[in-house]
Amino acid sequence: MKITIFGAGAWGTALAIQAAARHEVLLWARDSAAVAEMAATRRNQRYLPDTVLPDGLALSADLAAAIAHGRDGLLIVATPMAALREMLAALPDSAGVLWLCKGFEAGTGLLGHQIAAAVQPRLRVGILSGPSFAQEVAAGQPTALVAASGDAALAQLAVDAFHSERLRVYTSADPVGVEVGGAVKNVMAIAVGIADGLGQRAGAGNLLPGLNARAALITRGLAEMLRLGQALGARTETFMGLSGIGDLVLTATGDLSRNRRVGLLLAEGLALPQILQQLGHVAEGVYSAPTVLARAAAAGVDMPITAAVVAVLEGRLSPVEAVELLMGREARPEH
């Protein structure tokens, strides 16, 4: 199968490395200098410096050539959410396309499938998601993902492309649920990072979160994810799967999580611009948190953890104040 992956960040590169063992894979990046460096060194020095790119993995900065390579096979958009609209608009309307980015589009509040419907309604589209750190996928460590699409043949094409002894791919007919899970879990990872960071910090106040608080945040964060998903038409069972609880646990607790790292650094008292500069990579939760909260408000869904994260990101609450606010809420039934 011919596969083109648009976007040579960590996740796009990792997936390209795994697929190149069995398919004709082309990895596209808009930066021609970066492509030239990868071709010369056979490494992605910025995102995966410790992983060698397979000899069979083609590299290109030519968008037209990249589209032509995979248009009769599978096209994968691995750019950040902010570039998804632009990428979809550039693709032929007969293609089968999956994206890897997670979140709501800033400004419009749209999920990926809604962007596709507005930009290229004839595209066959879906999302490939699940609990997956790029470094582990690139290293060939066991990982499970879910390919979600209303087009069963496209979901199966994702299985044919990526399912292997090291990468297990399940299918789902609920792209809405998979996308909501992928968007909200990043926000919750920031919340857990804040709590964990405060728990490690002397002088953080009387409320020092520990492992109990982490478990509570993950559980109640899942409840927020589920409420929003149901309001937007998702299936409940999706949130009990890889793109729901699976991705939430990984992103909220894993040391490789950029969103968790944002929370840890906020708890240390660093300003958000300084944190983002230090990360050097996109942390989608920072950009999607206000949009998640806005979509929830429009749907009449209460998301107190999300609201607290947004308030911290915007500087209206300190991390300690956010914890105090959440702990001071009135008691209520769990379900």
C-alpha atoms as a PDB file:
ATOM      1  CA  MET A   1       0.000   0.000   0.000  1.00  0.00           C
ATOM      2  CA  LYS A   2       1.167   3.553  -0.716  1.00  0.00           C
ATOM      3  CA  ILE A   3       0.855   5.835   2.287  1.00  0.00           C
ATOM      4  CA  THR A   4       1.639   9.537   2.632  1.00  0.00           C
ATOM      5  CA  ILE A   5       1.990  11.103   6.068  1.00  0.00           C
ATOM      6  CA  PHE A   6       1.741  14.891   6.120  1.00  0.00           C
ATOM      7  CA  GLY A   7       3.696  16.331   9.038  1.00  0.00           C
ATOM      8  CA  ALA A   8       7.106  15.256  10.290  1.00  0.00           C
ATOM      9  CA  GLY A   9       6.581  15.896  13.970  1.00  0.00           C
ATOM     10  CA  ALA A  10       7.188  13.158  16.520  1.00  0.00           C
ATOM     11  CA  TRP A  11       3.914  11.279  15.988  1.00  0.00           C
ATOM     12  CA  GLY A  12       3.884  11.476  12.198  1.00  0.00           C
ATOM     13  CA  THR A  13       7.504  10.363  12.021  1.00  0.00           C
ATOM     14  CA  ALA A  14       6.945   7.493  14.469  1.00  0.00           C
ATOM     15  CA  LEU A  15       3.995   6.163  12.493  1.00  0.00           C
ATOM     16  CA  ALA A  16       5.944   6.482   9.249  1.00  0.00           C
ATOM     17  CA  ILE A  17       8.814   4.469  10.728  1.00  0.00           C
ATOM     18  CA  GLN A  18       6.497   1.629  11.722  1.00  0.00           C
ATOM     19  CA  ALA A  19       4.559   1.546   8.452  1.00  0.00           C
ATOM     20  CA  ALA A  20       7.673   1.723   6.265  1.00  0.00           C
ATOM     21  CA  ALA A  21       8.584  -1.843   7.194  1.00  0.00           C
ATOM     22  CA  ARG A  22       5.639  -3.163   5.140  1.00  0.00           C
ATOM     23  CA  HIS A  23       4.430  -0.375   2.858  1.00  0.00           C
ATOM     24  CA  GLU A  24       5.654   2.358   0.495  1.00  0.00           C
ATOM     25  CA  VAL A  25       5.603   5.328   2.844  1.00  0.00           C
ATOM     26  CA  LEU A  26       6.377   8.973   2.086  1.00  0.00           C
ATOM     27  CA  LEU A  27       6.806  11.461   4.949  1.00  0.00           C
ATOM     28  CA  TRP A  28       6.099  15.066   3.965  1.00  0.00           C
ATOM     29  CA  ALA A  29       7.173  18.255   5.761  1.00  0.00           C
ATOM     30  CA  ARG A  30       6.683  21.823   4.605  1.00  0.00           C
ATOM     31  CA  ASP A  31      10.218  22.806   5.688  1.00  0.00           C
ATOM     32  CA  SER A  32      12.522  21.805   2.831  1.00  0.00           C
ATOM     33  CA  ALA A  33      15.643  22.391   4.933  1.00  0.00           C
ATOM     34  CA  ALA A  34      14.355  19.985   7.595  1.00  0.00           C
ATOM     35  CA  VAL A  35      13.594  17.400   4.917  1.00  0.00           C
ATOM     36  CA  ALA A  36      17.095  17.757   3.482  1.00  0.00           C
ATOM     37  CA  GLU A  37      18.621  17.284   6.935  1.00  0.00           C
ATOM     38  CA  MET A  38      16.512  14.179   7.611  1.00  0.00           C
ATOM     39  CA  ALA A  39      17.490  12.744   4.246  1.00  0.00           C
ATOM     40  CA  ALA A  40      21.190  13.348   4.934  1.00  0.00           C
ATOM     41  CA  THR A  41      21.284  12.100   8.542  1.00  0.00           C
ATOM     42  CA  ARG A  42      18.388   9.591   8.388  1.00  0.00           C
ATOM     43  CA  ARG A  43      17.180  11.053  11.689  1.00  0.00           C
ATOM     44  CA  ASN A  44      14.535  13.554  12.757  1.00  0.00           C
ATOM     45  CA  GLN A  45      16.891  15.508  14.994  1.00  0.00           C
ATOM     46  CA  ARG A  46      14.240  17.829  16.416  1.00  0.00           C
ATOM     47  CA  TYR A  47      11.566  15.330  17.394  1.00  0.00           C
ATOM     48  CA  LEU A  48      13.066  11.806  17.487  1.00  0.00           C
ATOM     49  CA  PRO A  49      16.836  12.238  17.532  1.00  0.00           C
ATOM     50  CA  ASP A  50      17.555   8.754  18.884  1.00  0.00           C
ATOM     51  CA  THR A  51      15.649   6.866  16.162  1.00  0.00           C
ATOM     52  CA  VAL A  52      17.084   5.979  12.754  1.00  0.00           C
ATOM     53  CA  LEU A  53      14.757   6.480   9.787  1.00  0.00           C
ATOM     54  CA  PRO A  54      14.425   3.305   7.660  1.00  0.00           C
ATOM     55  CA  ASP A  55      16.129   3.383   4.285  1.00  0.00           C
ATOM     56  CA  GLY A  56      12.805   2.651   2.608  1.00  0.00           C
ATOM     57  CA  LEU A  57      11.079   5.720   4.073  1.00  0.00           C
ATOM     58  CA  ALA A  58      10.819   8.429   1.395  1.00  0.00           C
ATOM     59  CA  LEU A  59      11.001  12.104   2.387  1.00  0.00           C
ATOM     60  CA  SER A  60       9.671  15.133   0.529  1.00  0.00           C
ATOM     61  CA  ALA A  61       8.759  18.792   0.885  1.00  0.00           C
ATOM     62  CA  ASP A  62       6.812  18.730  -2.402  1.00  0.00           C
ATOM     63  CA  LEU A  63       3.127  18.766  -1.462  1.00  0.00           C
ATOM     64  CA  ALA A  64       1.827  17.843  -4.920  1.00  0.00           C
ATOM     65  CA  ALA A  65       4.176  14.883  -5.159  1.00  0.00           C
ATOM     66  CA  ALA A  66       3.248  13.759  -1.656  1.00  0.00           C
ATOM     67  CA  ILE A  67      -0.461  13.849  -2.476  1.00  0.00           C
ATOM     68  CA  ALA A  68       0.087  11.959  -5.724  1.00  0.00           C
ATOM     69  CA  HIS A  69       2.044   9.257  -3.895  1.00  0.00           C
ATOM     70  CA  GLY A  70      -0.744   8.303  -1.499  1.00  0.00           C
ATOM     71  CA  ARG A  71      -3.967   9.413  -3.161  1.00  0.00           C
ATOM     72  CA  ASP A  72      -4.903   5.878  -4.259  1.00  0.00           C
ATOM     73  CA  GLY A  73      -3.771   4.379  -0.959  1.00  0.00           C
ATOM     74  CA  LEU A  74      -4.017   6.237   2.339  1.00  0.00           C
ATOM     75  CA  LEU A  75      -3.336   9.842   3.336  1.00  0.00           C
ATOM     76  CA  ILE A  76      -2.506  10.633   6.981  1.00  0.00           C
ATOM     77  CA  VAL A  77      -2.575  14.189   8.340  1.00  0.00           C
ATOM     78  CA  ALA A  78      -0.135  14.427  11.254  1.00  0.00           C
ATOM     79  CA  THR A  79      -0.035  18.211  11.624  1.00  0.00           C
ATOM     80  CA  PRO A  80      -1.252  20.083  14.731  1.00  0.00           C
ATOM     81  CA  MET A  81      -4.994  20.765  14.899  1.00  0.00           C
ATOM     82  CA  ALA A  82      -4.465  24.355  13.763  1.00  0.00           C
ATOM     83  CA  ALA A  83      -3.297  23.146  10.328  1.00  0.00           C
ATOM     84  CA  LEU A  84      -5.931  20.451   9.746  1.00  0.00           C
ATOM     85  CA  ARG A  85      -8.308  22.701   7.781  1.00  0.00           C
ATOM     86  CA  GLU A  86      -5.532  23.843   5.436  1.00  0.00           C
ATOM     87  CA  MET A  87      -4.342  20.299   4.832  1.00  0.00           C
ATOM     88  CA  LEU A  88      -7.805  18.858   4.158  1.00  0.00           C
ATOM     89  CA  ALA A  89      -8.547  21.663   1.689  1.00  0.00           C
ATOM     90  CA  ALA A  90      -5.443  20.707  -0.307  1.00  0.00           C
ATOM     91  CA  LEU A  91      -6.356  17.031  -0.712  1.00  0.00           C
ATOM     92  CA  PRO A  92      -8.285  15.468  -3.627  1.00  0.00           C
ATOM     93  CA  ASP A  93     -11.936  14.902  -2.752  1.00  0.00           C
ATOM     94  CA  SER A  94     -11.784  11.221  -3.708  1.00  0.00           C
ATOM     95  CA  ALA A  95      -9.098  10.347  -1.171  1.00  0.00           C
ATOM     96  CA  GLY A  96      -9.250   8.352   2.055  1.00  0.00           C
ATOM     97  CA  VAL A  97      -7.855  10.493   4.875  1.00  0.00           C
ATOM     98  CA  LEU A  98      -7.141   9.920   8.558  1.00  0.00           C
ATOM     99  CA  TRP A  99      -5.804  12.545  10.956  1.00  0.00           C
ATOM    100  CA  LEU A 100      -3.780  12.121  14.125  1.00  0.00           C
ATOM    101  CA  CYS A 101      -4.310  15.535  15.735  1.00  0.00           C
ATOM    102  CA  LYS A 102      -6.550  15.846  18.773  1.00  0.00           C
ATOM    103  CA  GLY A 103      -8.644  18.801  19.846  1.00  0.00           C
ATOM    104  CA  PHE A 104     -11.260  21.336  18.856  1.00  0.00           C
ATOM    105  CA  GLU A 105     -10.371  23.947  16.254  1.00  0.00           C
ATOM    106  CA  ALA A 106      -9.666  27.293  17.907  1.00  0.00           C
ATOM    107  CA  GLY A 107     -12.145  29.972  16.900  1.00  0.00           C
ATOM    108  CA  THR A 108     -14.773  27.680  15.390  1.00  0.00           C
ATOM    109  CA  GLY A 109     -14.901  25.031  18.119  1.00  0.00           C
ATOM    110  CA  LEU A 110     -15.213  22.324  15.458  1.00  0.00           C
ATOM    111  CA  LEU A 111     -13.979  18.768  15.729  1.00  0.00           C
ATOM    112  CA  GLY A 112     -11.987  17.251  12.879  1.00  0.00           C
ATOM    113  CA  HIS A 113     -14.915  15.507  11.209  1.00  0.00           C
ATOM    114  CA  GLN A 114     -16.881  18.770  11.271  1.00  0.00           C
ATOM    115  CA  ILE A 115     -13.984  20.627   9.656  1.00  0.00           C
ATOM    116  CA  ALA A 116     -13.819  17.977   6.944  1.00  0.00           C
ATOM    117  CA  ALA A 117     -17.561  18.242   6.300  1.00  0.00           C
ATOM    118  CA  ALA A 118     -17.226  21.991   5.847  1.00  0.00           C
ATOM    119  CA  VAL A 119     -14.068  21.981   3.732  1.00  0.00           C
ATOM    120  CA  GLN A 120     -14.190  18.726   1.727  1.00  0.00           C
ATOM    121  CA  PRO A 121     -17.564  17.013   2.182  1.00  0.00           C
ATOM    122  CA  ARG A 122     -16.744  14.271  -0.361  1.00  0.00           C
ATOM    123  CA  LEU A 123     -13.588  13.118   1.424  1.00  0.00           C
ATOM    124  CA  ARG A 124     -13.639   9.721   3.110  1.00  0.00           C
ATOM    125  CA  VAL A 125     -12.408  10.658   6.560  1.00  0.00           C
ATOM    126  CA  GLY A 126     -11.618   9.331  10.008  1.00  0.00           C
ATOM    127  CA  ILE A 127      -9.261   9.608  12.954  1.00  0.00           C
ATOM    128  CA  LEU A 128      -6.463   7.398  14.263  1.00  0.00           C
ATOM    129  CA  SER A 129      -6.151   7.867  18.007  1.00  0.00           C
ATOM    130  CA  GLY A 130      -5.478   6.169  21.317  1.00  0.00           C
ATOM    131  CA  PRO A 131      -2.897   5.999  24.122  1.00  0.00           C
ATOM    132  CA  SER A 132       0.385   6.419  22.285  1.00  0.00           C
ATOM    133  CA  PHE A 133       3.627   8.234  22.983  1.00  0.00           C
ATOM    134  CA  ALA A 134       5.528   8.756  19.748  1.00  0.00           C
ATOM    135  CA  GLN A 135       8.873   7.723  21.234  1.00  0.00           C
ATOM    136  CA  GLU A 136       7.516   4.286  22.151  1.00  0.00           C
ATOM    137  CA  VAL A 137       5.875   3.759  18.758  1.00  0.00           C
ATOM    138  CA  ALA A 138       9.085   4.736  16.989  1.00  0.00           C
ATOM    139  CA  ALA A 139      11.005   2.256  19.157  1.00  0.00           C
ATOM    140  CA  GLY A 140       8.577  -0.519  18.280  1.00  0.00           C
ATOM    141  CA  GLN A 141       7.173  -0.899  21.785  1.00  0.00           C
ATOM    142  CA  PRO A 142       3.694  -2.508  21.968  1.00  0.00           C
ATOM    143  CA  THR A 143       0.894   0.009  21.382  1.00  0.00           C
ATOM    144  CA  ALA A 144      -2.843  -0.169  20.681  1.00  0.00           C
ATOM    145  CA  LEU A 145      -4.785   2.426  18.671  1.00  0.00           C
ATOM    146  CA  VAL A 146      -8.302   2.876  17.369  1.00  0.00           C
ATOM    147  CA  ALA A 147      -9.267   3.904  13.821  1.00  0.00           C
ATOM    148  CA  ALA A 148     -12.665   5.623  13.895  1.00  0.00           C
ATOM    149  CA  SER A 149     -14.766   6.464  10.870  1.00  0.00           C
ATOM    150  CA  GLY A 150     -18.312   6.350   9.627  1.00  0.00           C
ATOM    151  CA  ASP A 151     -16.790   4.633   6.580  1.00  0.00           C
ATOM    152  CA  ALA A 152     -16.099   1.036   7.662  1.00  0.00           C
ATOM    153  CA  ALA A 153     -13.888   0.413   4.622  1.00  0.00           C
ATOM    154  CA  LEU A 154     -11.646   3.341   5.562  1.00  0.00           C
ATOM    155  CA  ALA A 155     -11.300   2.114   9.143  1.00  0.00           C
ATOM    156  CA  GLN A 156     -10.329  -1.299   7.784  1.00  0.00           C
ATOM    157  CA  LEU A 157      -7.792   0.362   5.479  1.00  0.00           C
ATOM    158  CA  ALA A 158      -6.136   1.803   8.594  1.00  0.00           C
ATOM    159  CA  VAL A 159      -5.943  -1.704  10.031  1.00  0.00           C
ATOM    160  CA  ASP A 160      -4.379  -2.979   6.801  1.00  0.00           C
ATOM    161  CA  ALA A 161      -1.868  -0.132   6.873  1.00  0.00           C
ATOM    162  CA  PHE A 162      -0.710  -0.172  10.481  1.00  0.00           C
ATOM    163  CA  HIS A 163      -1.791  -3.330  12.328  1.00  0.00           C
ATOM    164  CA  SER A 164       1.263  -5.446  13.136  1.00  0.00           C
ATOM    165  CA  GLU A 165       2.844  -7.490  15.892  1.00  0.00           C
ATOM    166  CA  ARG A 166       3.918  -4.232  17.582  1.00  0.00           C
ATOM    167  CA  LEU A 167       0.999  -1.943  16.753  1.00  0.00           C
ATOM    168  CA  ARG A 168      -2.530  -3.202  17.316  1.00  0.00           C
ATOM    169  CA  VAL A 169      -5.333  -1.281  15.583  1.00  0.00           C
ATOM    170  CA  TYR A 170      -8.981  -1.592  16.584  1.00  0.00           C
ATOM    171  CA  THR A 171     -11.857  -0.047  14.637  1.00  0.00           C
ATOM    172  CA  SER A 172     -14.744   2.165  15.762  1.00  0.00           C
ATOM    173  CA  ALA A 173     -17.802   3.639  14.079  1.00  0.00           C
ATOM    174  CA  ASP A 174     -17.887   6.552  16.580  1.00  0.00           C
ATOM    175  CA  PRO A 175     -15.497   9.277  15.365  1.00  0.00           C
ATOM    176  CA  VAL A 176     -17.299  11.846  17.530  1.00  0.00           C
ATOM    177  CA  GLY A 177     -16.529   9.966  20.733  1.00  0.00           C
ATOM    178  CA  VAL A 178     -12.949   9.271  19.715  1.00  0.00           C
ATOM    179  CA  GLU A 179     -12.374  12.936  18.873  1.00  0.00           C
ATOM    180  CA  VAL A 180     -13.969  14.237  22.076  1.00  0.00           C
ATOM    181  CA  GLY A 181     -11.848  11.842  24.116  1.00  0.00           C
ATOM    182  CA  GLY A 182      -8.687  12.974  22.347  1.00  0.00           C
ATOM    183  CA  ALA A 183      -9.505  16.637  22.938  1.00  0.00           C
ATOM    184  CA  VAL A 184     -10.575  16.525  26.576  1.00  0.00           C
ATOM    185  CA  LYS A 185      -7.871  14.169  27.856  1.00  0.00           C
ATOM    186  CA  ASN A 186      -5.210  16.789  27.106  1.00  0.00           C
ATOM    187  CA  VAL A 187      -6.984  19.301  29.332  1.00  0.00           C
ATOM    188  CA  MET A 188      -7.288  16.744  32.121  1.00  0.00           C
ATOM    189  CA  ALA A 189      -3.587  15.926  31.817  1.00  0.00           C
ATOM    190  CA  ILE A 190      -2.795  19.566  32.571  1.00  0.00           C
ATOM    191  CA  ALA A 191      -5.050  19.360  35.639  1.00  0.00           C
ATOM    192  CA  VAL A 192      -3.335  16.205  36.914  1.00  0.00           C
ATOM    193  CA  GLY A 193       0.066  17.737  36.229  1.00  0.00           C
ATOM    194  CA  ILE A 194      -0.870  20.772  38.324  1.00  0.00           C
ATOM    195  CA  ALA A 195      -2.016  18.571  41.199  1.00  0.00           C
ATOM    196  CA  ASP A 196       1.046  16.334  41.049  1.00  0.00           C
ATOM    197  CA  GLY A 197       3.324  19.359  40.863  1.00  0.00           C
ATOM    198  CA  LEU A 198       1.736  20.982  43.891  1.00  0.00           C
ATOM    199  CA  GLY A 199       2.043  17.744  45.819  1.00  0.00           C
ATOM    200  CA  GLN A 200       5.802  17.813  45.249  1.00  0.00           C
ATOM    201  CA  ARG A 201       6.202  21.477  46.125  1.00  0.00           C
ATOM    202  CA  ALA A 202       6.944  22.699  49.632  1.00  0.00           C
ATOM    203  CA  GLY A 203       4.937  25.718  50.689  1.00  0.00           C
ATOM    204  CA  ALA A 204       2.102  25.073  48.243  1.00  0.00           C
ATOM    205  CA  GLY A 205      -0.476  25.692  50.950  1.00  0.00           C
ATOM    206  CA  ASN A 206      -2.555  23.519  53.218  1.00  0.00           C
ATOM    207  CA  LEU A 207      -4.055  21.494  50.364  1.00  0.00           C
ATOM    208  CA  LEU A 208      -1.201  19.330  49.109  1.00  0.00           C
ATOM    209  CA  PRO A 209      -2.602  16.935  46.458  1.00  0.00           C
ATOM    210  CA  GLY A 210      -1.313  13.368  46.418  1.00  0.00           C
ATOM    211  CA  LEU A 211      -2.153  10.091  44.738  1.00  0.00           C
ATOM    212  CA  ASN A 212      -5.719  10.242  46.051  1.00  0.00           C
ATOM    213  CA  ALA A 213      -6.208  13.564  44.266  1.00  0.00           C
ATOM    214  CA  ARG A 214      -4.699  12.177  41.068  1.00  0.00           C
ATOM    215  CA  ALA A 215      -7.172   9.268  41.045  1.00  0.00           C
ATOM    216  CA  ALA A 216     -10.070  11.637  41.740  1.00  0.00           C
ATOM    217  CA  LEU A 217      -9.072  14.009  38.950  1.00  0.00           C
ATOM    218  CA  ILE A 218      -8.737  11.217  36.400  1.00  0.00           C
ATOM    219  CA  THR A 219     -12.085   9.724  37.402  1.00  0.00           C
ATOM    220  CA  ARG A 220     -13.987  12.997  37.501  1.00  0.00           C
ATOM    221  CA  GLY A 221     -12.177  14.098  34.357  1.00  0.00           C
ATOM    222  CA  LEU A 222     -13.542  11.033  32.613  1.00  0.00           C
ATOM    223  CA  ALA A 223     -17.014  12.028  33.828  1.00  0.00           C
ATOM    224  CA  GLU A 224     -16.593  15.471  32.240  1.00  0.00           C
ATOM    225  CA  MET A 225     -15.371  13.881  29.010  1.00  0.00           C
ATOM    226  CA  LEU A 226     -18.357  11.547  28.961  1.00  0.00           C
ATOM    227  CA  ARG A 227     -20.898  14.312  29.611  1.00  0.00           C
ATOM    228  CA  LEU A 228     -19.561  16.457  26.786  1.00  0.00           C
ATOM    229  CA  GLY A 229     -19.332  13.500  24.432  1.00  0.00           C
ATOM    230  CA  GLN A 230     -22.918  12.470  25.066  1.00  0.00           C
ATOM    231  CA  ALA A 231     -24.084  16.037  24.474  1.00  0.00           C
ATOM    232  CA  LEU A 232     -22.305  16.057  21.103  1.00  0.00           C
ATOM    233  CA  GLY A 233     -23.709  12.706  20.007  1.00  0.00           C
ATOM    234  CA  ALA A 234     -20.974  10.260  20.999  1.00  0.00           C
ATOM    235  CA  ARG A 235     -21.513   6.727  22.228  1.00  0.00           C
ATOM    236  CA  THR A 236     -20.994   6.095  25.941  1.00  0.00           C
ATOM    237  CA  GLU A 237     -18.962   2.921  25.435  1.00  0.00           C
ATOM    238  CA  THR A 238     -16.333   4.787  23.416  1.00  0.00           C
ATOM    239  CA  PHE A 239     -15.110   6.517  26.568  1.00  0.00           C
ATOM    240  CA  MET A 240     -14.457   3.182  28.232  1.00  0.00           C
ATOM    241  CA  GLY A 241     -12.035   2.313  25.442  1.00  0.00           C
ATOM    242  CA  LEU A 242      -8.621   3.268  24.107  1.00  0.00           C
ATOM    243  CA  SER A 243      -9.474   6.829  23.075  1.00  0.00           C
ATOM    244  CA  GLY A 244     -11.282   7.537  26.356  1.00  0.00           C
ATOM    245  CA  ILE A 245      -9.988   6.119  29.617  1.00  0.00           C
ATOM    246  CA  GLY A 246      -6.934   4.635  27.890  1.00  0.00           C
ATOM    247  CA  ASP A 247      -5.619   7.887  26.440  1.00  0.00           C
ATOM    248  CA  LEU A 248      -6.645   9.818  29.557  1.00  0.00           C
ATOM    249  CA  VAL A 249      -4.630   7.597  31.914  1.00  0.00           C
ATOM    250  CA  LEU A 250      -1.559   7.652  29.677  1.00  0.00           C
ATOM    251  CA  THR A 251      -1.539  11.404  29.080  1.00  0.00           C
ATOM    252  CA  ALA A 252      -2.348  12.312  32.683  1.00  0.00           C
ATOM    253  CA  THR A 253       0.270  10.058  34.290  1.00  0.00           C
ATOM    254  CA  GLY A 254       3.018   9.395  31.718  1.00  0.00           C
ATOM    255  CA  ASP A 255       6.287  11.267  32.049  1.00  0.00           C
ATOM    256  CA  LEU A 256       6.468  11.708  28.250  1.00  0.00           C
ATOM    257  CA  SER A 257       3.216  13.721  28.218  1.00  0.00           C
ATOM    258  CA  ARG A 258       3.694  17.332  27.141  1.00  0.00           C
ATOM    259  CA  ASN A 259       0.318  18.365  28.570  1.00  0.00           C
ATOM    260  CA  ARG A 260       1.133  16.839  31.941  1.00  0.00           C
ATOM    261  CA  ARG A 261       4.460  18.665  31.788  1.00  0.00           C
ATOM    262  CA  VAL A 262       2.632  21.964  31.302  1.00  0.00           C
ATOM    263  CA  GLY A 263       0.703  21.327  34.522  1.00  0.00           C
ATOM    264  CA  LEU A 264       3.839  20.400  36.454  1.00  0.00           C
ATOM    265  CA  LEU A 265       5.570  23.613  35.363  1.00  0.00           C
ATOM    266  CA  LEU A 266       2.507  25.734  36.168  1.00  0.00           C
ATOM    267  CA  ALA A 267       2.613  24.290  39.688  1.00  0.00           C
ATOM    268  CA  GLU A 268       6.241  25.419  39.930  1.00  0.00           C
ATOM    269  CA  GLY A 269       5.080  28.979  39.273  1.00  0.00           C
ATOM    270  CA  LEU A 270       6.383  29.370  35.729  1.00  0.00           C
ATOM    271  CA  ALA A 271       4.470  31.651  33.355  1.00  0.00           C
ATOM    272  CA  LEU A 272       2.718  29.979  30.428  1.00  0.00           C
ATOM    273  CA  PRO A 273       4.789  31.684  27.664  1.00  0.00           C
ATOM    274  CA  GLN A 274       7.964  30.524  29.412  1.00  0.00           C
ATOM    275  CA  ILE A 275       6.583  26.982  29.672  1.00  0.00           C
ATOM    276  CA  LEU A 276       5.689  26.812  25.990  1.00  0.00           C
ATOM    277  CA  GLN A 277       9.114  28.120  25.005  1.00  0.00           C
ATOM    278  CA  GLN A 278      10.768  25.530  27.233  1.00  0.00           C
ATOM    279  CA  LEU A 279       8.690  22.681  25.776  1.00  0.00           C
ATOM    280  CA  GLY A 280       9.553  23.502  22.197  1.00  0.00           C
ATOM    281  CA  HIS A 281       6.680  21.253  20.995  1.00  0.00           C
ATOM    282  CA  VAL A 282       2.932  21.758  20.746  1.00  0.00           C
ATOM    283  CA  ALA A 283       0.891  20.923  23.862  1.00  0.00           C
ATOM    284  CA  GLU A 284      -2.605  20.711  22.378  1.00  0.00           C
ATOM    285  CA  GLY A 285      -4.370  20.997  25.746  1.00  0.00           C
ATOM    286  CA  VAL A 286      -3.216  24.592  26.153  1.00  0.00           C
ATOM    287  CA  TYR A 287      -4.912  25.644  22.941  1.00  0.00           C
ATOM    288  CA  SER A 288      -7.981  23.420  23.140  1.00  0.00           C
ATOM    289  CA  ALA A 289      -8.938  24.026  26.804  1.00  0.00           C
ATOM    290  CA  PRO A 290     -10.832  27.324  26.207  1.00  0.00           C
ATOM    291  CA  THR A 291     -12.610  25.809  23.211  1.00  0.00           C
ATOM    292  CA  VAL A 292     -13.578  22.673  25.163  1.00  0.00           C
ATOM    293  CA  LEU A 293     -15.053  24.914  27.857  1.00  0.00           C
ATOM    294  CA  ALA A 294     -16.923  27.027  25.295  1.00  0.00           C
ATOM    295  CA  ARG A 295     -18.416  23.952  23.582  1.00  0.00           C
ATOM    296  CA  ALA A 296     -19.450  22.611  26.994  1.00  0.00           C
ATOM    297  CA  ALA A 297     -21.128  25.889  27.932  1.00  0.00           C
ATOM    298  CA  ALA A 298     -22.994  25.995  24.631  1.00  0.00           C
ATOM    299  CA  ALA A 299     -24.205  22.431  25.222  1.00  0.00           C
ATOM    300  CA  GLY A 300     -25.185  23.123  28.841  1.00  0.00           C
ATOM    301  CA  VAL A 301     -22.536  20.726  30.196  1.00  0.00           C
ATOM    302  CA  ASP A 302     -20.874  21.393  33.549  1.00  0.00           C
ATOM    303  CA  MET A 303     -17.070  20.898  33.383  1.00  0.00           C
ATOM    304  CA  PRO A 304     -15.559  22.315  36.605  1.00  0.00           C
ATOM    305  CA  ILE A 305     -12.098  20.760  36.165  1.00  0.00           C
ATOM    306  CA  THR A 306     -11.845  22.164  32.647  1.00  0.00           C
ATOM    307  CA  ALA A 307     -12.991  25.575  33.909  1.00  0.00           C
ATOM    308  CA  ALA A 308     -10.314  25.528  36.612  1.00  0.00           C
ATOM    309  CA  VAL A 309      -7.598  24.632  34.074  1.00  0.00           C
ATOM    310  CA  VAL A 310      -8.678  27.464  31.783  1.00  0.00           C
ATOM    311  CA  ALA A 311      -8.617  29.903  34.703  1.00  0.00           C
ATOM    312  CA  VAL A 312      -5.047  28.869  35.571  1.00  0.00           C
ATOM    313  CA  LEU A 313      -3.895  29.062  31.939  1.00  0.00           C
ATOM    314  CA  GLU A 314      -5.378  32.543  31.633  1.00  0.00           C
ATOM    315  CA  GLY A 315      -3.840  33.693  34.921  1.00  0.00           C
ATOM    316  CA  ARG A 316      -7.144  34.257  36.713  1.00  0.00           C
ATOM    317  CA  LEU A 317      -6.395  31.595  39.333  1.00  0.00           C
ATOM    318  CA  SER A 318      -3.165  30.294  40.784  1.00  0.00           C
ATOM    319  CA  PRO A 319      -2.697  26.507  40.821  1.00  0.00           C
ATOM    320  CA  VAL A 320      -3.326  26.460  44.593  1.00  0.00           C
ATOM    321  CA  GLU A 321      -6.501  28.513  44.199  1.00  0.00           C
ATOM    322  CA  ALA A 322      -7.746  26.148  41.503  1.00  0.00           C
ATOM    323  CA  VAL A 323      -7.363  23.149  43.814  1.00  0.00           C
ATOM    324  CA  GLU A 324      -9.099  25.016  46.637  1.00  0.00           C
ATOM    325  CA  LEU A 325     -11.945  25.962  44.309  1.00  0.00           C
ATOM    326  CA  LEU A 326     -12.507  22.363  43.187  1.00  0.00           C
ATOM    327  CA  MET A 327     -12.315  20.985  46.718  1.00  0.00           C
ATOM    328  CA  GLY A 328     -14.741  23.634  47.968  1.00  0.00           C
ATOM    329  CA  ARG A 329     -17.545  22.665  45.617  1.00  0.00           C
ATOM    330  CA  GLU A 330     -20.801  21.487  47.187  1.00  0.00           C
ATOM    331  CA  ALA A 331     -21.379  17.752  47.656  1.00  0.00           C
ATOM    332  CA  ARG A 332     -23.573  16.039  45.079  1.00  0.00           C
ATOM    333  CA  PRO A 333     -24.431  12.551  43.803  1.00  0.00           C
ATOM    334  CA  GLU A 334     -21.606  10.938  41.853  1.00  0.00           C
ATOM    335  CA  HIS A 335     -23.811   9.873  38.928  1.00  0.00           C
END
